[in-house]
């Protein structure tokens, strides 16, 4: 059995993290419905109508799905061009930075936490910009 490339592992890990956050949000909302704290059809899409924890979970999930398509498109483009190996050295750093951003968001919305979260975001964007330059320039 062939092992997956680092880039494929990072992409699938990113998608798996999206699923984990989505399931966590579904469980959270199900508990609210089952305990009669909210009606099933009465949730604001941005999470603004639930507790701070619910809001942070909603935003962490949303941040993830807002960025997954860009990561996936770059990986797909590199794969189609036969250049996916160019992404391998930094691919896991995108995943680690995504996990760091989400976990920081879940833990706190304090000003220092926002700066940390933004740092994790900049790592992801910086790597994807670098990859784009590499792929278009090669």
Protein backbone atom coordinates (compact mmCIF):
# COMPACT_ATOMS: atom_id res chain seq x y z
CA UNK A 1 0.00 0.00 0.00
CA UNK A 2 1.41 3.37 -1.05
CA UNK A 3 1.58 6.08 1.57
CA UNK A 4 -0.09 9.42 0.99
CA UNK A 5 1.95 12.48 0.19
CA UNK A 6 2.43 15.06 2.91
CA UNK A 7 0.27 17.47 0.93
CA UNK A 8 -2.59 14.96 0.63
CA UNK A 9 -2.33 14.25 4.36
CA UNK A 10 -2.52 17.97 5.14
CA UNK A 11 -5.52 18.47 2.84
CA UNK A 12 -7.40 15.53 4.30
CA UNK A 13 -6.44 16.66 7.81
CA UNK A 14 -7.82 20.14 7.07
CA UNK A 15 -11.07 18.62 5.80
CA UNK A 16 -11.23 16.29 8.82
CA UNK A 17 -10.80 19.27 11.15
CA UNK A 18 -13.68 20.98 9.32
CA UNK A 19 -15.79 17.89 9.98
CA UNK A 20 -14.79 17.78 13.67
CA UNK A 21 -15.84 21.42 14.14
CA UNK A 22 -19.08 20.83 12.22
CA UNK A 23 -19.97 17.79 14.34
CA UNK A 24 -19.09 19.69 17.54
CA UNK A 25 -21.39 22.52 16.47
CA UNK A 26 -24.16 20.05 15.61
CA UNK A 27 -23.82 18.40 19.02
CA UNK A 28 -23.84 21.80 20.75
CA UNK A 29 -27.00 22.88 18.91
CA UNK A 30 -28.66 19.51 19.46
CA UNK A 31 -28.12 19.87 23.21
CA UNK A 32 -29.70 23.33 23.11
CA UNK A 33 -32.72 21.96 21.24
CA UNK A 34 -33.06 18.87 23.44
CA UNK A 35 -32.94 21.00 26.59
CA UNK A 36 -35.56 23.39 25.14
CA UNK A 37 -33.17 26.34 25.18
CA UNK A 38 -33.60 26.91 21.42
CA UNK A 39 -36.00 25.82 18.72
CA UNK A 40 -34.44 23.71 15.97
CA UNK A 41 -35.33 26.30 13.36
CA UNK A 42 -34.23 29.31 15.40
CA UNK A 43 -30.43 29.47 15.10
CA UNK A 44 -28.69 32.49 13.63
CA UNK A 45 -26.14 31.37 11.01
CA UNK A 46 -23.38 33.42 12.65
CA UNK A 47 -24.01 32.00 16.13
CA UNK A 48 -24.87 35.43 17.53
CA UNK A 49 -27.92 34.08 19.33
CA UNK A 50 -26.15 31.55 21.55
CA UNK A 51 -23.59 31.63 24.34
CA UNK A 52 -20.06 32.92 23.84
CA UNK A 53 -18.81 29.32 23.54
CA UNK A 54 -21.34 28.64 20.80
CA UNK A 55 -20.37 31.84 19.01
CA UNK A 56 -16.68 30.94 19.12
CA UNK A 57 -17.38 27.42 17.88
CA UNK A 58 -19.48 28.79 15.03
CA UNK A 59 -16.77 31.27 14.00
CA UNK A 60 -14.00 28.67 14.27
CA UNK A 61 -15.99 26.35 12.01
CA UNK A 62 -16.80 29.18 9.59
CA UNK A 63 -13.16 30.35 9.45
CA UNK A 64 -12.19 26.81 8.55
CA UNK A 65 -14.65 26.40 5.70
CA UNK A 66 -13.86 29.88 4.39
CA UNK A 67 -10.22 28.87 3.88
CA UNK A 68 -10.47 25.19 2.96
CA UNK A 69 -11.49 25.90 -0.67
CA UNK A 70 -8.40 28.04 -1.32
CA UNK A 71 -6.11 25.39 0.15
CA UNK A 72 -7.90 22.65 -1.80
CA UNK A 73 -7.76 24.64 -5.06
CA UNK A 74 -4.02 25.19 -4.76
CA UNK A 75 -3.46 21.51 -3.97
CA UNK A 76 -5.72 20.46 -6.85
CA UNK A 77 -4.01 22.83 -9.27
CA UNK A 78 -0.57 21.63 -8.21
CA UNK A 79 -1.70 18.01 -8.56
CA UNK A 80 -3.18 18.58 -12.01
CA UNK A 81 0.06 20.27 -13.10
CA UNK A 82 2.11 17.37 -11.71
CA UNK A 83 3.76 19.70 -9.21
CA UNK A 84 2.19 18.64 -5.92
CA UNK A 85 5.61 17.71 -4.54
CA UNK A 86 6.45 21.44 -4.45
CA UNK A 87 3.88 21.79 -1.67
CA UNK A 88 5.07 18.92 0.52
CA UNK A 89 7.68 20.82 2.58
CA UNK A 90 5.14 23.32 3.95
CA UNK A 91 1.80 21.48 3.68
CA UNK A 92 1.63 20.28 7.27
CA UNK A 93 2.43 23.79 8.49
CA UNK A 94 -0.80 24.99 6.88
CA UNK A 95 -2.68 22.29 8.79
CA UNK A 96 -0.90 23.04 12.07
CA UNK A 97 -1.57 26.77 11.68
CA UNK A 98 -5.24 26.02 10.94
CA UNK A 99 -5.51 23.89 14.07
CA UNK A 100 -3.75 26.58 16.09
CA UNK A 101 -6.06 29.28 14.75
CA UNK A 102 -9.20 27.27 15.50
CA UNK A 103 -8.10 26.17 18.96
CA UNK A 104 -7.09 29.71 19.90
CA UNK A 105 -10.48 30.93 18.72
CA UNK A 106 -12.23 28.29 20.82
CA UNK A 107 -10.26 29.16 23.96
CA UNK A 108 -10.45 32.95 23.99
CA UNK A 109 -11.44 36.14 22.23
CA UNK A 110 -9.13 38.31 24.32
CA UNK A 111 -6.92 40.82 22.48
CA UNK A 112 -3.75 38.71 22.94
CA UNK A 113 -5.61 35.63 21.67
CA UNK A 114 -6.81 37.58 18.63
CA UNK A 115 -3.19 38.48 17.81
CA UNK A 116 -2.14 34.85 18.20
CA UNK A 117 -5.03 33.72 16.03
CA UNK A 118 -4.14 36.29 13.39
CA UNK A 119 -0.54 35.06 13.44
CA UNK A 120 -1.72 31.53 12.70
CA UNK A 121 -3.88 32.91 9.89
CA UNK A 122 -0.93 34.82 8.40
CA UNK A 123 1.12 31.62 8.35
CA UNK A 124 -1.57 29.91 6.28
CA UNK A 125 -2.04 32.80 3.87
CA UNK A 126 1.70 33.36 3.56
CA UNK A 127 2.34 29.74 2.66
CA UNK A 128 -0.49 29.68 0.14
CA UNK A 129 0.77 32.90 -1.45
CA UNK A 130 4.27 31.41 -1.63
CA UNK A 131 2.91 28.26 -3.25
CA UNK A 132 0.95 30.30 -5.78
CA UNK A 133 4.12 32.15 -6.72
CA UNK A 134 6.06 28.89 -6.98
CA UNK A 135 3.42 27.18 -9.09
CA UNK A 136 2.78 30.08 -11.45
CA UNK A 137 6.48 30.83 -11.78
CA UNK A 138 7.66 27.31 -12.48
